[in-house]
Amino acid sequence: LFLVLAFFTAAALWMLLRAEFLAIALVLVYVG
């Protein structure tokens, strides 16, 4: 569960870097 939290926060950092595709792919593939 902590790893899920780490993936979500990493996806949020990708969103801040304006890499929306990588953030959504991280959430869908790894978390989902």
ModelCIF file with pLDDT and N, C-alpha, C, O atoms, coordinates in Angstrom:
data_MODEL
#
_entry.id   MODEL 
#
_entity.id                         1 
_entity.type                       polymer 
_entity.pdbx_number_of_molecules   1 
#
_entity_poly.entity_id                      1 
_entity_poly.type                           'polypeptide(L)' 
_entity_poly.nstd_linkage                   no 
_entity_poly.nstd_monomer                   no 
_entity_poly.pdbx_seq_one_letter_code       LFLVLAFFTAAALWMLLRAEFLAIALVLVYVG 
_entity_poly.pdbx_seq_one_letter_code_can   LFLVLAFFTAAALWMLLRAEFLAIALVLVYVG 
_entity_poly.pdbx_strand_id                 A 
#
loop_
_entity_poly_seq.entity_id 
_entity_poly_seq.num 
_entity_poly_seq.mon_id 
_entity_poly_seq.hetero 
1 1  LEU n 
1 2  PHE n 
1 3  LEU n 
1 4  VAL n 
1 5  LEU n 
1 6  ALA n 
1 7  PHE n 
1 8  PHE n 
1 9  THR n 
1 10 ALA n 
1 11 ALA n 
1 12 ALA n 
1 13 LEU n 
1 14 TRP n 
1 15 MET n 
1 16 LEU n 
1 17 LEU n 
1 18 ARG n 
1 19 ALA n 
1 20 GLU n 
1 21 PHE n 
1 22 LEU n 
1 23 ALA n 
1 24 ILE n 
1 25 ALA n 
1 26 LEU n 
1 27 VAL n 
1 28 LEU n 
1 29 VAL n 
1 30 TYR n 
1 31 VAL n 
1 32 GLY n 
#
_struct_asym.id          A 
_struct_asym.entity_id   1 
#
loop_
_ma_qa_metric.id 
_ma_qa_metric.mode 
_ma_qa_metric.name 
_ma_qa_metric.software_group_id 
_ma_qa_metric.type 
1 global pLDDT . pLDDT 
2 local  pLDDT . pLDDT 
#
_ma_qa_metric_global.metric_id      1 
_ma_qa_metric_global.metric_value   88.41 
_ma_qa_metric_global.model_id       1 
_ma_qa_metric_global.ordinal_id     1 
#
loop_
_ma_qa_metric_local.label_asym_id 
_ma_qa_metric_local.label_comp_id 
_ma_qa_metric_local.label_seq_id 
_ma_qa_metric_local.metric_id 
_ma_qa_metric_local.metric_value 
_ma_qa_metric_local.model_id 
_ma_qa_metric_local.ordinal_id 
A LEU 1  2 87.00 1 1  
A PHE 2  2 91.00 1 2  
A LEU 3  2 89.00 1 3  
A VAL 4  2 89.00 1 4  
A LEU 5  2 92.00 1 5  
A ALA 6  2 93.00 1 6  
A PHE 7  2 91.00 1 7  
A PHE 8  2 92.00 1 8  
A THR 9  2 94.00 1 9  
A ALA 10 2 93.00 1 10 
A ALA 11 2 93.00 1 11 
A ALA 12 2 93.00 1 12 
A LEU 13 2 92.00 1 13 
A TRP 14 2 90.00 1 14 
A MET 15 2 89.00 1 15 
A LEU 16 2 88.00 1 16 
A LEU 17 2 84.00 1 17 
A ARG 18 2 82.00 1 18 
A ALA 19 2 83.00 1 19 
A GLU 20 2 85.00 1 20 
A PHE 21 2 86.00 1 21 
A LEU 22 2 86.00 1 22 
A ALA 23 2 90.00 1 23 
A ILE 24 2 89.00 1 24 
A ALA 25 2 88.00 1 25 
A LEU 26 2 88.00 1 26 
A VAL 27 2 89.00 1 27 
A LEU 28 2 88.00 1 28 
A VAL 29 2 86.00 1 29 
A TYR 30 2 84.00 1 30 
A VAL 31 2 83.00 1 31 
A GLY 32 2 82.00 1 32 
#
loop_
_atom_site.group_PDB 
_atom_site.id 
_atom_site.type_symbol 
_atom_site.label_atom_id 
_atom_site.label_alt_id 
_atom_site.label_comp_id 
_atom_site.label_asym_id 
_atom_site.label_entity_id 
_atom_site.label_seq_id 
_atom_site.pdbx_PDB_ins_code 
_atom_site.Cartn_x 
_atom_site.Cartn_y 
_atom_site.Cartn_z 
_atom_site.occupancy 
_atom_site.B_iso_or_equiv 
_atom_site.pdbx_formal_charge 
_atom_site.auth_seq_id 
_atom_site.auth_comp_id 
_atom_site.auth_asym_id 
_atom_site.auth_atom_id 
_atom_site.pdbx_PDB_model_num 
ATOM 1   N N  . LEU A 1 1  ? 0.825  -1.212 0.000   1.00 87.00 ? 1  LEU A N  1 
ATOM 2   C CA . LEU A 1 1  ? 0.000  0.000  0.000   1.00 87.00 ? 1  LEU A CA 1 
ATOM 3   C C  . LEU A 1 1  ? 0.861  1.265  0.000   1.00 87.00 ? 1  LEU A C  1 
ATOM 4   O O  . LEU A 1 1  ? 0.513  2.253  -0.647  1.00 87.00 ? 1  LEU A O  1 
ATOM 5   N N  . PHE A 1 2  ? 1.972  1.238  0.716   1.00 91.00 ? 2  PHE A N  1 
ATOM 6   C CA . PHE A 1 2  ? 2.900  2.376  0.653   1.00 91.00 ? 2  PHE A CA 1 
ATOM 7   C C  . PHE A 1 2  ? 3.486  2.522  -0.749  1.00 91.00 ? 2  PHE A C  1 
ATOM 8   O O  . PHE A 1 2  ? 3.749  3.638  -1.197  1.00 91.00 ? 2  PHE A O  1 
ATOM 9   N N  . LEU A 1 3  ? 3.693  1.407  -1.442  1.00 89.00 ? 3  LEU A N  1 
ATOM 10  C CA . LEU A 1 3  ? 4.184  1.473  -2.816  1.00 89.00 ? 3  LEU A CA 1 
ATOM 11  C C  . LEU A 1 3  ? 3.137  2.100  -3.737  1.00 89.00 ? 3  LEU A C  1 
ATOM 12  O O  . LEU A 1 3  ? 3.489  2.833  -4.662  1.00 89.00 ? 3  LEU A O  1 
ATOM 13  N N  . VAL A 1 4  ? 1.856  1.821  -3.492  1.00 89.00 ? 4  VAL A N  1 
ATOM 14  C CA . VAL A 1 4  ? 0.791  2.484  -4.254  1.00 89.00 ? 4  VAL A CA 1 
ATOM 15  C C  . VAL A 1 4  ? 0.835  3.993  -4.019  1.00 89.00 ? 4  VAL A C  1 
ATOM 16  O O  . VAL A 1 4  ? 0.703  4.777  -4.959  1.00 89.00 ? 4  VAL A O  1 
ATOM 17  N N  . LEU A 1 5  ? 1.022  4.399  -2.756  1.00 92.00 ? 5  LEU A N  1 
ATOM 18  C CA . LEU A 1 5  ? 1.138  5.828  -2.448  1.00 92.00 ? 5  LEU A CA 1 
ATOM 19  C C  . LEU A 1 5  ? 2.346  6.444  -3.144  1.00 92.00 ? 5  LEU A C  1 
ATOM 20  O O  . LEU A 1 5  ? 2.269  7.568  -3.642  1.00 92.00 ? 5  LEU A O  1 
ATOM 21  N N  . ALA A 1 6  ? 3.456  5.720  -3.182  1.00 93.00 ? 6  ALA A N  1 
ATOM 22  C CA . ALA A 1 6  ? 4.645  6.223  -3.868  1.00 93.00 ? 6  ALA A CA 1 
ATOM 23  C C  . ALA A 1 6  ? 4.386  6.396  -5.365  1.00 93.00 ? 6  ALA A C  1 
ATOM 24  O O  . ALA A 1 6  ? 4.835  7.375  -5.961  1.00 93.00 ? 6  ALA A O  1 
ATOM 25  N N  . PHE A 1 7  ? 3.667  5.454  -5.972  1.00 91.00 ? 7  PHE A N  1 
ATOM 26  C CA . PHE A 1 7  ? 3.351  5.587  -7.403  1.00 91.00 ? 7  PHE A CA 1 
ATOM 27  C C  . PHE A 1 7  ? 2.443  6.790  -7.657  1.00 91.00 ? 7  PHE A C  1 
ATOM 28  O O  . PHE A 1 7  ? 2.638  7.517  -8.632  1.00 91.00 ? 7  PHE A O  1 
ATOM 29  N N  . PHE A 1 8  ? 1.458  7.004  -6.791  1.00 92.00 ? 8  PHE A N  1 
ATOM 30  C CA . PHE A 1 8  ? 0.563  8.154  -6.978  1.00 92.00 ? 8  PHE A CA 1 
ATOM 31  C C  . PHE A 1 8  ? 1.314  9.473  -6.858  1.00 92.00 ? 8  PHE A C  1 
ATOM 32  O O  . PHE A 1 8  ? 1.091  10.390 -7.648  1.00 92.00 ? 8  PHE A O  1 
ATOM 33  N N  . THR A 1 9  ? 2.197  9.573  -5.879  1.00 94.00 ? 9  THR A N  1 
ATOM 34  C CA . THR A 1 9  ? 2.945  10.829 -5.731  1.00 94.00 ? 9  THR A CA 1 
ATOM 35  C C  . THR A 1 9  ? 3.941  11.019 -6.863  1.00 94.00 ? 9  THR A C  1 
ATOM 36  O O  . THR A 1 9  ? 4.189  12.149 -7.285  1.00 94.00 ? 9  THR A O  1 
ATOM 37  N N  . ALA A 1 10 ? 4.519  9.925  -7.362  1.00 93.00 ? 10 ALA A N  1 
ATOM 38  C CA . ALA A 1 10 ? 5.395  10.052 -8.534  1.00 93.00 ? 10 ALA A CA 1 
ATOM 39  C C  . ALA A 1 10 ? 4.603  10.512 -9.754  1.00 93.00 ? 10 ALA A C  1 
ATOM 40  O O  . ALA A 1 10 ? 5.100  11.302 -10.557 1.00 93.00 ? 10 ALA A O  1 
ATOM 41  N N  . ALA A 1 11 ? 3.367  10.018 -9.897  1.00 93.00 ? 11 ALA A N  1 
ATOM 42  C CA . ALA A 1 11 ? 2.516  10.477 -10.988 1.00 93.00 ? 11 ALA A CA 1 
ATOM 43  C C  . ALA A 1 11 ? 2.186  11.964 -10.829 1.00 93.00 ? 11 ALA A C  1 
ATOM 44  O O  . ALA A 1 11 ? 2.109  12.689 -11.821 1.00 93.00 ? 11 ALA A O  1 
ATOM 45  N N  . ALA A 1 12 ? 1.992  12.420 -9.598  1.00 93.00 ? 12 ALA A N  1 
ATOM 46  C CA . ALA A 1 12 ? 1.743  13.845 -9.378  1.00 93.00 ? 12 ALA A CA 1 
ATOM 47  C C  . ALA A 1 12 ? 2.972  14.670 -9.771  1.00 93.00 ? 12 ALA A C  1 
ATOM 48  O O  . ALA A 1 12 ? 2.832  15.763 -10.319 1.00 93.00 ? 12 ALA A O  1 
ATOM 49  N N  . LEU A 1 13 ? 4.155  14.162 -9.498  1.00 92.00 ? 13 LEU A N  1 
ATOM 50  C CA . LEU A 1 13 ? 5.372  14.877 -9.919  1.00 92.00 ? 13 LEU A CA 1 
ATOM 51  C C  . LEU A 1 13 ? 5.483  14.914 -11.437 1.00 92.00 ? 13 LEU A C  1 
ATOM 52  O O  . LEU A 1 13 ? 5.910  15.924 -11.996 1.00 92.00 ? 13 LEU A O  1 
ATOM 53  N N  . TRP A 1 14 ? 5.104  13.832 -12.113 1.00 90.00 ? 14 TRP A N  1 
ATOM 54  C CA . TRP A 1 14 ? 5.095  13.852 -13.578 1.00 90.00 ? 14 TRP A CA 1 
ATOM 55  C C  . TRP A 1 14 ? 4.110  14.900 -14.092 1.00 90.00 ? 14 TRP A C  1 
ATOM 56  O O  . TRP A 1 14 ? 4.383  15.575 -15.084 1.00 90.00 ? 14 TRP A O  1 
ATOM 57  N N  . MET A 1 15 ? 2.969  15.036 -13.421 1.00 89.00 ? 15 MET A N  1 
ATOM 58  C CA . MET A 1 15 ? 2.004  16.059 -13.838 1.00 89.00 ? 15 MET A CA 1 
ATOM 59  C C  . MET A 1 15 ? 2.585  17.461 -13.676 1.00 89.00 ? 15 MET A C  1 
ATOM 60  O O  . MET A 1 15 ? 2.356  18.330 -14.518 1.00 89.00 ? 15 MET A O  1 
ATOM 61  N N  . LEU A 1 16 ? 3.338  17.684 -12.595 1.00 88.00 ? 16 LEU A N  1 
ATOM 62  C CA . LEU A 1 16 ? 3.964  18.991 -12.410 1.00 88.00 ? 16 LEU A CA 1 
ATOM 63  C C  . LEU A 1 16 ? 5.004  19.277 -13.487 1.00 88.00 ? 16 LEU A C  1 
ATOM 64  O O  . LEU A 1 16 ? 5.242  20.432 -13.839 1.00 88.00 ? 16 LEU A O  1 
ATOM 65  N N  . LEU A 1 17 ? 5.620  18.222 -14.006 1.00 84.00 ? 17 LEU A N  1 
ATOM 66  C CA . LEU A 1 17 ? 6.612  18.394 -15.073 1.00 84.00 ? 17 LEU A CA 1 
ATOM 67  C C  . LEU A 1 17 ? 5.969  18.449 -16.457 1.00 84.00 ? 17 LEU A C  1 
ATOM 68  O O  . LEU A 1 17 ? 6.663  18.428 -17.473 1.00 84.00 ? 17 LEU A O  1 
ATOM 69  N N  . ARG A 1 18 ? 4.641  18.520 -16.488 1.00 82.00 ? 18 ARG A N  1 
ATOM 70  C CA . ARG A 1 18 ? 3.856  18.601 -17.724 1.00 82.00 ? 18 ARG A CA 1 
ATOM 71  C C  . ARG A 1 18 ? 4.024  17.360 -18.600 1.00 82.00 ? 18 ARG A C  1 
ATOM 72  O O  . ARG A 1 18 ? 4.008  17.449 -19.828 1.00 82.00 ? 18 ARG A O  1 
ATOM 73  N N  . ALA A 1 19 ? 4.185  16.217 -17.961 1.00 83.00 ? 19 ALA A N  1 
ATOM 74  C CA . ALA A 1 19 ? 4.264  14.937 -18.673 1.00 83.00 ? 19 ALA A CA 1 
ATOM 75  C C  . ALA A 1 19 ? 3.019  14.128 -18.313 1.00 83.00 ? 19 ALA A C  1 
ATOM 76  O O  . ALA A 1 19 ? 3.090  13.137 -17.586 1.00 83.00 ? 19 ALA A O  1 
ATOM 77  N N  . GLU A 1 20 ? 1.888  14.569 -18.833 1.00 85.00 ? 20 GLU A N  1 
ATOM 78  C CA . GLU A 1 20 ? 0.608  13.976 -18.437 1.00 85.00 ? 20 GLU A CA 1 
ATOM 79  C C  . GLU A 1 20 ? 0.479  12.534 -18.885 1.00 85.00 ? 20 GLU A C  1 
ATOM 80  O O  . GLU A 1 20 ? -0.084 11.708 -18.166 1.00 85.00 ? 20 GLU A O  1 
ATOM 81  N N  . PHE A 1 21 ? 0.997  12.220 -20.070 1.00 86.00 ? 21 PHE A N  1 
ATOM 82  C CA . PHE A 1 21 ? 0.886  10.853 -20.578 1.00 86.00 ? 21 PHE A CA 1 
ATOM 83  C C  . PHE A 1 21 ? 1.634  9.876  -19.676 1.00 86.00 ? 21 PHE A C  1 
ATOM 84  O O  . PHE A 1 21 ? 1.116  8.805  -19.355 1.00 86.00 ? 21 PHE A O  1 
ATOM 85  N N  . LEU A 1 22 ? 2.851  10.240 -19.265 1.00 86.00 ? 22 LEU A N  1 
ATOM 86  C CA . LEU A 1 22 ? 3.617  9.356  -18.389 1.00 86.00 ? 22 LEU A CA 1 
ATOM 87  C C  . LEU A 1 22 ? 2.949  9.210  -17.026 1.00 86.00 ? 22 LEU A C  1 
ATOM 88  O O  . LEU A 1 22 ? 2.982  8.131  -16.435 1.00 86.00 ? 22 LEU A O  1 
ATOM 89  N N  . ALA A 1 23 ? 2.344  10.284 -16.520 1.00 90.00 ? 23 ALA A N  1 
ATOM 90  C CA . ALA A 1 23 ? 1.660  10.203 -15.228 1.00 90.00 ? 23 ALA A CA 1 
ATOM 91  C C  . ALA A 1 23 ? 0.463  9.261  -15.302 1.00 90.00 ? 23 ALA A C  1 
ATOM 92  O O  . ALA A 1 23 ? 0.262  8.431  -14.416 1.00 90.00 ? 23 ALA A O  1 
ATOM 93  N N  . ILE A 1 24 ? -0.327 9.394  -16.361 1.00 89.00 ? 24 ILE A N  1 
ATOM 94  C CA . ILE A 1 24 ? -1.498 8.518  -16.504 1.00 89.00 ? 24 ILE A CA 1 
ATOM 95  C C  . ILE A 1 24 ? -1.066 7.073  -16.743 1.00 89.00 ? 24 ILE A C  1 
ATOM 96  O O  . ILE A 1 24 ? -1.689 6.144  -16.229 1.00 89.00 ? 24 ILE A O  1 
ATOM 97  N N  . ALA A 1 25 ? -0.001 6.882  -17.520 1.00 88.00 ? 25 ALA A N  1 
ATOM 98  C CA . ALA A 1 25 ? 0.495  5.519  -17.751 1.00 88.00 ? 25 ALA A CA 1 
ATOM 99  C C  . ALA A 1 25 ? 1.002  4.901  -16.455 1.00 88.00 ? 25 ALA A C  1 
ATOM 100 O O  . ALA A 1 25 ? 0.800  3.710  -16.220 1.00 88.00 ? 25 ALA A O  1 
ATOM 101 N N  . LEU A 1 26 ? 1.661  5.696  -15.607 1.00 88.00 ? 26 LEU A N  1 
ATOM 102 C CA . LEU A 1 26 ? 2.146  5.189  -14.325 1.00 88.00 ? 26 LEU A CA 1 
ATOM 103 C C  . LEU A 1 26 ? 0.984  4.753  -13.444 1.00 88.00 ? 26 LEU A C  1 
ATOM 104 O O  . LEU A 1 26 ? 1.047  3.702  -12.806 1.00 88.00 ? 26 LEU A O  1 
ATOM 105 N N  . VAL A 1 27 ? -0.074 5.552  -13.403 1.00 89.00 ? 27 VAL A N  1 
ATOM 106 C CA . VAL A 1 27 ? -1.222 5.200  -12.569 1.00 89.00 ? 27 VAL A CA 1 
ATOM 107 C C  . VAL A 1 27 ? -1.947 3.976  -13.125 1.00 89.00 ? 27 VAL A C  1 
ATOM 108 O O  . VAL A 1 27 ? -2.291 3.061  -12.376 1.00 89.00 ? 27 VAL A O  1 
ATOM 109 N N  . LEU A 1 28 ? -2.181 3.959  -14.447 1.00 88.00 ? 28 LEU A N  1 
ATOM 110 C CA . LEU A 1 28 ? -2.941 2.855  -15.029 1.00 88.00 ? 28 LEU A CA 1 
ATOM 111 C C  . LEU A 1 28 ? -2.183 1.541  -14.981 1.00 88.00 ? 28 LEU A C  1 
ATOM 112 O O  . LEU A 1 28 ? -2.740 0.509  -14.606 1.00 88.00 ? 28 LEU A O  1 
ATOM 113 N N  . VAL A 1 29 ? -0.904 1.578  -15.362 1.00 86.00 ? 29 VAL A N  1 
ATOM 114 C CA . VAL A 1 29 ? -0.150 0.327  -15.474 1.00 86.00 ? 29 VAL A CA 1 
ATOM 115 C C  . VAL A 1 29 ? 0.282  -0.176 -14.105 1.00 86.00 ? 29 VAL A C  1 
ATOM 116 O O  . VAL A 1 29 ? 0.029  -1.331 -13.763 1.00 86.00 ? 29 VAL A O  1 
ATOM 117 N N  . TYR A 1 30 ? 0.928  0.673  -13.322 1.00 84.00 ? 30 TYR A N  1 
ATOM 118 C CA . TYR A 1 30 ? 1.495  0.191  -12.066 1.00 84.00 ? 30 TYR A CA 1 
ATOM 119 C C  . TYR A 1 30 ? 0.456  0.115  -10.955 1.00 84.00 ? 30 TYR A C  1 
ATOM 120 O O  . TYR A 1 30 ? 0.341  -0.910 -10.283 1.00 84.00 ? 30 TYR A O  1 
ATOM 121 N N  . VAL A 1 31 ? -0.299 1.188  -10.756 1.00 83.00 ? 31 VAL A N  1 
ATOM 122 C CA . VAL A 1 31 ? -1.284 1.166  -9.675  1.00 83.00 ? 31 VAL A CA 1 
ATOM 123 C C  . VAL A 1 31 ? -2.477 0.298  -10.055 1.00 83.00 ? 31 VAL A C  1 
ATOM 124 O O  . VAL A 1 31 ? -2.980 -0.468 -9.233  1.00 83.00 ? 31 VAL A O  1 
ATOM 125 N N  . GLY A 1 32 ? -2.927 0.418  -11.295 1.00 82.00 ? 32 GLY A N  1 
ATOM 126 C CA . GLY A 1 32 ? -4.120 -0.301 -11.691 1.00 82.00 ? 32 GLY A CA 1 
ATOM 127 C C  . GLY A 1 32 ? -3.923 -1.770 -11.938 1.00 82.00 ? 32 GLY A C  1 
ATOM 128 O O  . GLY A 1 32 ? -4.876 -2.471 -12.279 1.00 82.00 ? 32 GLY A O  1 
#
